[in-house]
Amino acid sequence: QVQLVESGGGLVQVGDSLRLSCAASGRTFSSYVMGWFRQAPGKEREFVAAIRWSGGSRYYADSVKGRFTISGDNAKNTVYLQMNSLKPEDTAVYYCAATNIYYTGSNYYPNLPNLFNYWGQGTQVTVSS
């Protein structure tokens, strides 16, 4: 049974940093793309970042480029989202997700939620001003 378990959320101030973790279990994820999405109240779920385990390709939403960094630890089957310079608009529930849908090509950009097969339960991030 596949499980994705997020942790690391919390309440922080504007400009602070947080690191989210996503522990994956239940299968081999070496060929998967792992992603982070977020959903604020009343808004649709939106893409934040993704990383491909094999090769390490990384993808970011424009809104977080330069502030957030996604990384992975293969030995621990864990994906991280380092979030710096947090803003109030970063407040949301953050979800970890995994997909085995990948193709080579410069137009691959895993930003659609329905591309992902597996989801975690989410972790709340609140940025207070």
Foldseek 3Di string as FASTA:
>chain_A
DKAWAKDWADEEAAFAKTKMKIFIDDDQQQLKKKFKWWDDPPDDIWGAKIFHNPPTDIAGDPVQPPFWDWDDDNVRNMIMIIGGRDDQVVWTWMKMFMANDDDDDPPDHPIDPVRTDDIHPTDTHGYHD
